[in-house]
Amino acid sequence: MSARKHKPIIGISIGDINGIGVEVTLKALADARVYKSFTPLIYGHGKVLTFYRKLISLEDFNFSQIRTVEEIQHRKINVINVTEECPEIIPGVETQEAGKFALESLKVAVEDLKSGKIQGLVTAPVNKNNINSEELPFVGHTEFITQAVGAKDSLMMMVSEDLRVGLVTGHIPLAKVSESLTKEKILQKTSIFLKSLKEDFGIDKPKIAILGLNPHAGEDGLLGTEEEELLKPAIREMKDKNQYVFGPYPADGFFGMMHQKRFDGVLAMYHDQGLIPFKSIAFSSGVNFTAGLPVIRTSPDHGTAYNIAGKNIADEGSMRAALHLAADIATLHHGEDAEG
């Protein structure tokens, strides 16, 4: 029997403090019911929370400042200062200081995640322009964390209550999608997807639909050959292993005809092919989940939204969903360990 007597600790890397990340985090955690699922730990700075608490009139939002995870106070919101000095907070303005601070928050949180001190991590939005540096090119959270934990591969997955979309290729230019697709890559991403649906979402016999790359799924080679040369052989191979994998389906009508409701997951070939329909269907409640890692990481499905930062109009639905999904998966993985 585990010695842990509390819910899982879910870390939150604060992201860009001049975007909407802090606002949606505070709003999502203001509901005391979160303590039924997890103990929140924000990697940021107490001054940032105090600033936004006042700005968005959450005066009764209280938190405990701790120095290490070992000092965690359950049934409370905890904050670790990731730097001694807090950078200047200017809602809606991109600054280099905010980028450096976001990266430091992420680094500290990921170290605690790797060492098992926290059971999951939710990453608030960052701005790739100011978080990037010559020493550390930053393509995205998914790639950063995959590399940081030493995983060979991962799968960017968008999750809502009744829709899960995985991506074979992620943050790469559209012009490079076709050349980066291989049968092996499709098989690898499909395998990660199937494993995650079983282990992270508790689905015994998951069914996956695979979208074609080209219009009309290639029209038997008339509009592109990737379906004939890569996708169909990969799907046949998965079926030979008794996996419930189907397709390739033409992407244009798939969601319009509600075909996604017949499957536990949909595998898209590239970023916008999967994210445009997903965000059209589930923008306010969607979650970005990185499957295939030895750790649990989720994030809201929106960006920094500088244009509305500090105006107290940001919707916290996606952040709330990201927090609860991380806690649900942690509980599923650890069972009694996480539950206490």
Protein backbone atom coordinates (compact mmCIF):
# COMPACT_ATOMS: atom_id res chain seq x y z
CA MET A 1 0.00 0.00 0.00
CA SER A 2 1.40 3.39 -0.96
CA ALA A 3 2.40 5.87 1.72
CA ARG A 4 0.93 8.71 -0.31
CA LYS A 5 -2.32 9.78 1.30
CA HIS A 6 -3.36 12.55 -1.05
CA LYS A 7 -4.56 13.17 -4.58
CA PRO A 8 -1.95 13.52 -7.34
CA ILE A 9 0.13 16.70 -7.46
CA ILE A 10 -0.40 18.44 -10.79
CA GLY A 11 2.20 21.03 -11.71
CA ILE A 12 1.44 24.09 -13.84
CA SER A 13 4.23 25.84 -15.74
CA ILE A 14 3.08 29.47 -15.81
CA GLY A 15 3.84 30.22 -19.47
CA ASP A 16 4.01 33.80 -20.76
CA ILE A 17 2.99 36.05 -17.86
CA ASN A 18 1.85 38.76 -20.30
CA GLY A 19 -0.64 36.46 -22.02
CA ILE A 20 -3.87 34.93 -20.72
CA GLY A 21 -2.22 31.90 -19.10
CA VAL A 22 -2.14 33.27 -15.56
CA GLU A 23 -5.71 34.53 -15.80
CA VAL A 24 -7.17 31.20 -16.97
CA THR A 25 -5.07 29.34 -14.39
CA LEU A 26 -6.40 31.45 -11.53
CA LYS A 27 -9.98 31.20 -12.77
CA ALA A 28 -9.73 27.41 -13.19
CA LEU A 29 -8.27 26.96 -9.70
CA ALA A 30 -10.69 29.37 -8.01
CA ASP A 31 -13.24 26.55 -7.80
CA ALA A 32 -12.48 24.64 -4.57
CA ARG A 33 -13.80 21.44 -6.16
CA VAL A 34 -10.40 20.97 -7.82
CA TYR A 35 -9.08 19.60 -4.53
CA LYS A 36 -11.28 16.53 -4.98
CA SER A 37 -9.13 15.54 -7.96
CA PHE A 38 -5.63 16.93 -7.40
CA THR A 39 -3.29 19.28 -5.53
CA PRO A 40 -2.16 22.19 -7.74
CA LEU A 41 1.45 23.43 -7.79
CA ILE A 42 2.23 26.51 -9.89
CA TYR A 43 5.77 27.05 -11.12
CA GLY A 44 5.96 30.82 -11.40
CA HIS A 45 6.19 33.62 -8.86
CA GLY A 46 3.96 34.82 -6.05
CA LYS A 47 4.06 38.39 -7.37
CA VAL A 48 2.58 37.27 -10.69
CA LEU A 49 -0.39 35.64 -8.96
CA THR A 50 -0.89 38.64 -6.68
CA PHE A 51 -0.85 40.98 -9.70
CA TYR A 52 -3.49 39.03 -11.64
CA ARG A 53 -5.55 38.25 -8.55
CA LYS A 54 -6.10 41.99 -8.16
CA LEU A 55 -6.46 42.69 -11.88
CA ILE A 56 -9.29 40.18 -12.39
CA SER A 57 -10.89 40.76 -8.98
CA LEU A 58 -10.24 37.35 -7.43
CA GLU A 59 -9.40 38.83 -4.03
CA ASP A 60 -10.33 35.62 -2.17
CA PHE A 61 -7.88 33.55 -4.27
CA ASN A 62 -5.30 32.35 -1.74
CA PHE A 63 -2.09 30.41 -2.27
CA SER A 64 0.83 29.06 -0.27
CA GLN A 65 4.41 29.84 -1.26
CA ILE A 66 6.75 26.87 -0.93
CA ARG A 67 10.40 26.34 -1.86
CA THR A 68 10.30 22.68 -2.90
CA VAL A 69 7.66 20.03 -3.66
CA GLU A 70 8.46 18.39 -0.32
CA GLU A 71 6.79 21.38 1.39
CA ILE A 72 3.55 20.88 -0.56
CA GLN A 73 0.34 21.76 1.27
CA HIS A 74 -2.56 19.62 0.13
CA ARG A 75 -6.03 21.10 -0.29
CA LYS A 76 -4.30 24.40 -1.08
CA ILE A 77 -2.88 26.11 -4.15
CA ASN A 78 0.91 26.02 -3.96
CA VAL A 79 3.44 28.24 -5.73
CA ILE A 80 7.19 27.83 -6.25
CA ASN A 81 9.16 30.93 -7.26
CA VAL A 82 11.29 29.74 -10.19
CA THR A 83 13.43 32.90 -10.09
CA GLU A 84 14.33 35.21 -7.23
CA GLU A 85 13.21 38.34 -9.05
CA CYS A 86 9.86 38.55 -10.79
CA PRO A 87 9.99 40.10 -14.27
CA GLU A 88 7.85 43.13 -15.05
CA ILE A 89 4.27 42.15 -15.88
CA ILE A 90 2.76 44.03 -18.85
CA PRO A 91 -0.42 42.26 -20.01
CA GLY A 92 -0.67 42.06 -23.79
CA VAL A 93 2.96 42.98 -24.46
CA GLU A 94 5.64 40.58 -25.74
CA THR A 95 8.88 40.94 -23.76
CA GLN A 96 12.12 38.98 -23.74
CA GLU A 97 12.02 38.84 -19.92
CA ALA A 98 8.64 37.08 -20.01
CA GLY A 99 10.03 34.55 -22.49
CA LYS A 100 13.02 33.76 -20.28
CA PHE A 101 10.74 33.43 -17.26
CA ALA A 102 8.38 31.07 -19.13
CA LEU A 103 11.31 28.85 -20.10
CA GLU A 104 12.67 28.80 -16.53
CA SER A 105 9.23 27.83 -15.22
CA LEU A 106 9.04 25.00 -17.76
CA LYS A 107 12.54 23.72 -16.98
CA VAL A 108 11.98 23.59 -13.21
CA ALA A 109 8.57 21.93 -13.63
CA VAL A 110 9.91 19.31 -16.06
CA GLU A 111 12.73 18.39 -13.68
CA ASP A 112 10.18 17.72 -10.91
CA LEU A 113 8.03 15.79 -13.39
CA LYS A 114 10.97 13.61 -14.49
CA SER A 115 11.90 12.82 -10.89
CA GLY A 116 8.33 11.85 -9.99
CA LYS A 117 7.83 14.65 -7.48
CA ILE A 118 4.72 15.72 -9.37
CA GLN A 119 2.38 13.27 -11.10
CA GLY A 120 1.45 15.43 -14.09
CA LEU A 121 2.22 18.77 -15.74
CA VAL A 122 -0.10 21.29 -17.38
CA THR A 123 1.75 23.82 -19.53
CA ALA A 124 0.21 27.29 -19.84
CA PRO A 125 0.67 28.97 -23.25
CA VAL A 126 4.03 30.41 -24.33
CA ASN A 127 5.05 32.70 -27.17
CA LYS A 128 7.55 30.94 -29.42
CA ASN A 129 9.06 34.29 -30.47
CA ASN A 130 10.27 35.35 -27.02
CA ILE A 131 10.96 31.90 -25.57
CA ASN A 132 13.35 31.07 -28.41
CA SER A 133 17.08 31.66 -28.17
CA GLU A 134 20.16 30.70 -30.18
CA GLU A 135 21.21 28.33 -27.39
CA LEU A 136 17.80 26.65 -27.18
CA PRO A 137 15.56 26.65 -30.27
CA PHE A 138 11.99 26.06 -29.03
CA VAL A 139 9.62 24.46 -31.53
CA GLY A 140 6.89 23.60 -29.04
CA HIS A 141 6.10 22.12 -25.64
CA THR A 142 5.53 18.66 -27.14
CA GLU A 143 8.98 18.50 -28.70
CA PHE A 144 10.72 20.12 -25.70
CA ILE A 145 9.26 17.70 -23.15
CA THR A 146 9.70 14.65 -25.39
CA GLN A 147 13.42 15.44 -25.62
CA ALA A 148 13.71 16.40 -21.94
CA VAL A 149 12.37 13.06 -20.70
CA GLY A 150 14.48 11.08 -23.19
CA ALA A 151 11.54 9.60 -25.09
CA LYS A 152 12.19 8.28 -28.60
CA ASP A 153 8.86 9.52 -29.91
CA SER A 154 5.56 10.99 -28.81
CA LEU A 155 2.17 11.83 -30.27
CA MET A 156 0.48 15.22 -30.14
CA MET A 157 -3.13 14.47 -29.31
CA MET A 158 -6.08 16.84 -28.98
CA VAL A 159 -8.69 15.62 -26.53
CA SER A 160 -12.22 16.68 -25.63
CA GLU A 161 -15.03 14.83 -23.91
CA ASP A 162 -15.95 12.78 -26.98
CA LEU A 163 -13.21 13.47 -29.54
CA ARG A 164 -9.51 12.51 -29.71
CA VAL A 165 -7.36 13.57 -32.64
CA GLY A 166 -3.72 12.51 -33.07
CA LEU A 167 -1.17 14.01 -35.48
CA VAL A 168 1.41 12.08 -37.52
CA THR A 169 3.36 15.30 -38.15
CA GLY A 170 3.24 18.32 -35.86
CA HIS A 171 5.01 21.65 -35.94
CA ILE A 172 6.60 21.50 -39.38
CA PRO A 173 5.96 23.56 -42.54
CA LEU A 174 3.17 22.27 -44.75
CA ALA A 175 5.63 21.96 -47.66
CA LYS A 176 7.58 19.33 -45.68
CA VAL A 177 4.65 17.14 -44.61
CA SER A 178 4.66 14.74 -47.58
CA GLU A 179 8.41 14.15 -47.54
CA SER A 180 8.38 13.45 -43.81
CA LEU A 181 5.66 10.78 -44.05
CA THR A 182 6.82 7.18 -44.12
CA LYS A 183 5.04 3.90 -43.57
CA GLU A 184 7.19 3.38 -40.45
CA LYS A 185 6.21 6.77 -39.04
CA ILE A 186 2.51 6.12 -39.61
CA LEU A 187 2.83 2.73 -37.90
CA GLN A 188 4.74 4.25 -34.98
CA LYS A 189 2.24 7.07 -34.39
CA THR A 190 -0.71 4.68 -34.72
CA SER A 191 0.88 2.32 -32.18
CA ILE A 192 1.41 5.16 -29.69
CA PHE A 193 -2.20 6.26 -30.23
CA LEU A 194 -3.60 2.76 -29.63
CA LYS A 195 -1.43 2.25 -26.53
CA SER A 196 -2.49 5.63 -25.09
CA LEU A 197 -6.19 4.97 -25.69
CA LYS A 198 -5.82 1.74 -23.71
CA GLU A 199 -3.53 2.92 -20.90
CA ASP A 200 -4.44 6.60 -20.51
CA PHE A 201 -8.13 6.48 -21.36
CA GLY A 202 -9.06 2.94 -20.28
CA ILE A 203 -10.45 1.80 -23.66
CA ASP A 204 -9.99 -1.97 -24.02
CA LYS A 205 -10.30 -2.31 -27.81
CA PRO A 206 -9.78 1.14 -29.30
CA LYS A 207 -10.86 1.91 -32.87
CA ILE A 208 -8.87 4.45 -34.88
CA ALA A 209 -9.80 6.18 -38.15
CA ILE A 210 -6.90 7.31 -40.33
CA LEU A 211 -7.36 10.32 -42.59
CA GLY A 212 -5.88 10.47 -46.06
CA LEU A 213 -3.28 13.10 -46.89
CA ASN A 214 -4.61 14.14 -50.29
CA PRO A 215 -8.04 15.37 -51.47
CA HIS A 216 -10.51 12.48 -51.65
CA ALA A 217 -7.82 10.29 -49.98
CA GLY A 218 -5.86 10.30 -53.23
CA GLU A 219 -8.69 9.06 -55.50
CA ASP A 220 -6.90 5.72 -56.09
CA GLY A 221 -3.63 7.46 -56.93
CA LEU A 222 -5.12 10.11 -59.24
CA LEU A 223 -4.66 12.96 -56.71
CA GLY A 224 -1.57 11.69 -54.91
CA THR A 225 0.17 8.42 -54.19
CA GLU A 226 0.77 8.56 -50.41
CA GLU A 227 -2.44 6.67 -49.68
CA GLU A 228 -1.52 3.79 -52.01
CA GLU A 229 2.16 3.65 -51.11
CA LEU A 230 2.16 4.46 -47.38
CA LEU A 231 -1.23 4.60 -45.70
CA LYS A 232 -2.98 1.54 -47.08
CA PRO A 233 0.03 -0.78 -46.48
CA ALA A 234 0.36 0.58 -42.90
CA ILE A 235 -3.35 0.04 -42.24
CA ARG A 236 -3.19 -3.52 -43.63
CA GLU A 237 -0.22 -4.26 -41.40
CA MET A 238 -2.06 -3.02 -38.30
CA LYS A 239 -5.16 -5.04 -39.23
CA ASP A 240 -2.98 -8.14 -39.63
CA LYS A 241 -1.98 -7.59 -35.99
CA ASN A 242 -5.70 -7.57 -35.06
CA GLN A 243 -5.76 -3.83 -34.40
CA TYR A 244 -8.96 -1.90 -35.12
CA VAL A 245 -7.51 0.60 -37.59
CA PHE A 246 -9.57 1.84 -40.55
CA GLY A 247 -9.16 4.14 -43.54
CA PRO A 248 -7.76 6.10 -45.20
CA TYR A 249 -10.80 8.38 -45.15
CA PRO A 250 -11.16 11.59 -47.19
CA ALA A 251 -10.59 14.36 -44.65
CA ASP A 252 -12.96 16.92 -46.14
CA GLY A 253 -16.23 15.19 -45.31
CA PHE A 254 -15.16 13.02 -42.38
CA PHE A 255 -16.14 15.38 -39.56
CA GLY A 256 -19.03 16.98 -41.46
CA MET A 257 -20.69 13.56 -41.63
CA MET A 258 -19.90 12.94 -37.94
CA HIS A 259 -17.85 9.84 -38.71
CA GLN A 260 -15.65 10.62 -35.70
CA LYS A 261 -18.45 9.40 -33.44
CA ARG A 262 -17.84 5.83 -34.68
CA PHE A 263 -14.22 5.82 -33.47
CA ASP A 264 -12.21 6.26 -30.28
CA GLY A 265 -9.58 8.31 -32.09
CA VAL A 266 -8.83 9.97 -35.42
CA LEU A 267 -5.27 10.12 -36.79
CA ALA A 268 -4.59 13.16 -39.00
CA MET A 269 -1.55 13.50 -41.26
CA TYR A 270 -0.64 17.09 -40.38
CA HIS A 271 -1.28 19.89 -37.89
CA ASP A 272 -4.12 21.87 -39.47
CA GLN A 273 -5.86 18.80 -40.92
CA GLY A 274 -6.51 17.65 -37.36
CA LEU A 275 -6.67 20.91 -35.44
CA ILE A 276 -9.06 22.91 -37.61
CA PRO A 277 -11.95 20.44 -37.18
CA PHE A 278 -11.01 19.77 -33.56
CA LYS A 279 -11.01 23.43 -32.56
CA SER A 280 -14.19 24.05 -34.54
CA ILE A 281 -15.91 21.34 -32.50
CA ALA A 282 -14.29 21.72 -29.05
CA PHE A 283 -12.36 24.99 -28.78
CA SER A 284 -13.49 26.03 -25.30
CA SER A 285 -13.00 22.58 -23.77
CA GLY A 286 -10.20 21.05 -25.83
CA VAL A 287 -6.94 19.82 -24.35
CA ASN A 288 -3.52 19.17 -25.90
CA PHE A 289 -2.16 15.88 -24.52
CA THR A 290 1.27 14.43 -25.27
CA ALA A 291 0.89 10.66 -25.62
CA GLY A 292 3.71 8.15 -25.58
CA LEU A 293 5.77 9.72 -22.78
CA PRO A 294 6.73 8.15 -19.44
CA VAL A 295 5.15 11.26 -17.84
CA ILE A 296 1.79 13.02 -18.09
CA ARG A 297 1.60 16.38 -19.84
CA THR A 298 -1.45 18.36 -20.99
CA SER A 299 -2.13 21.97 -21.95
CA PRO A 300 -5.05 24.17 -22.97
CA ASP A 301 -5.63 24.24 -26.73
CA HIS A 302 -5.16 28.02 -27.11
CA GLY A 303 -2.25 30.44 -27.23
CA THR A 304 -1.19 33.53 -25.28
CA ALA A 305 -3.98 35.71 -26.79
CA TYR A 306 -2.20 39.01 -26.07
CA ASN A 307 -5.15 40.90 -27.56
CA ILE A 308 -7.38 40.00 -24.59
CA ALA A 309 -4.72 39.60 -21.88
CA GLY A 310 -5.51 41.37 -18.62
CA LYS A 311 -9.09 42.20 -19.65
CA ASN A 312 -10.76 39.51 -17.52
CA ILE A 313 -12.57 38.02 -20.53
CA ALA A 314 -10.45 34.90 -21.19
CA ASP A 315 -12.38 31.61 -21.00
CA GLU A 316 -10.79 29.16 -18.56
CA GLY A 317 -12.69 26.11 -19.87
CA SER A 318 -9.76 24.60 -21.75
CA MET A 319 -7.35 25.12 -18.83
CA ARG A 320 -9.81 23.52 -16.43
CA ALA A 321 -10.22 20.55 -18.78
CA ALA A 322 -6.41 20.23 -19.10
CA LEU A 323 -5.98 20.14 -15.32
CA HIS A 324 -8.68 17.53 -14.81
CA LEU A 325 -7.48 15.35 -17.70
CA ALA A 326 -3.95 15.29 -16.22
CA ALA A 327 -5.40 14.36 -12.83
CA ASP A 328 -7.68 11.69 -14.31
CA ILE A 329 -4.83 10.02 -16.21
CA ALA A 330 -2.54 10.22 -13.15
CA THR A 331 -5.22 8.53 -11.05
CA LEU A 332 -5.80 5.86 -13.71
CA HIS A 333 -2.06 5.14 -13.87
CA HIS A 334 -1.35 5.14 -10.15
CA GLY A 335 -4.65 3.80 -8.86
CA GLU A 336 -4.56 3.76 -5.08
CA ASP A 337 -1.16 5.46 -5.12
CA ALA A 338 -2.68 8.61 -6.51
CA GLU A 339 -5.98 8.34 -4.71
CA GLY A 340 -4.59 7.75 -1.25
